[in-house]
Amino acid sequence: MIGEEKKLLKCSGCAVFHNVVKLKPGAKFKCPKCGAMNTVPVRIHRCLGCHKETDPSEIAIIDGQPLCPACRAELAKIQQASGRNILAGVLGGGIAVIVAGIIWGVLVFFSKEIMDFMVVGVGVMVGWGVFLASGRKRSRLLQRIACAITILAILVGRYLTAYYLVNHSDAETTGNFALFSRNTLSFFYGIMLQGLSKGYDILFLALAIFMSYKMPAIGKPVGLNAKQKSG
């Protein structure tokens, strides 16, 4: 019938869709094709991509939006990162590191402190740099790239901080130590060990890596057995 309202539910036994618009939420019915018993869910979700009502077990939350399998597949094609996108993401992450490094360096210069919390800012900026430069693509590879750049940037940043402090913390030794001198390396190891002994420093590092990994992240599916905020 033209204009008939439909609420489709996929059979758990044979995957055939049935119109359950006339059945109450929670009602059970037997599939006429395979004989499997099915239960009408309390709520049937609507896909925000095609605006069709979809079985909640088929819904996945992508970037905060419930999408059906067809729309997820279409979105995956659009977001799929090519070699050019990946290269652009690496360059974007590199530029973000330079900007974050300049900010970090200025703060260290004026404060003469290590500024541990800045590692979180590095993670955020690298994650966004990779994500935006890649054309807003999302993939596991881009996530790993963002994490790798963040970890490398933090290590280099800590080392340069150690080099600066070891040459400027004492006026008598200013400029006496080369970039890769034993004194600089020892001071760097000391900074790293001191940082690992502090709980909040480990927390900052974990947050930095998490933020860089989260930016280009792929949405995770949410089904009937998961806790949904929209529920």
Foldseek 3Di string as FASTA:
>chain_A
DPPDDFAWDAAPPPRDIDGCPVPAQQDWDADPPPRDIDGHHNDFDAFPPVRHTHRQQQWFQWPNGTHGPVVVVVVCVVQPFDPVLQVQLLVLLVVLLVVLLVVQVVCCVVPVDNPLLSLQVNLQSSLVSSCVRSVNHADQVSLVSSLVSSVVSVLVSLLVSLVVSVQPVDVVRHPVADSPRPNSVVSSVVVVVVLVVDPVSVVSNVSSSVNSNPSRHTTGGDHPPHDDPVD
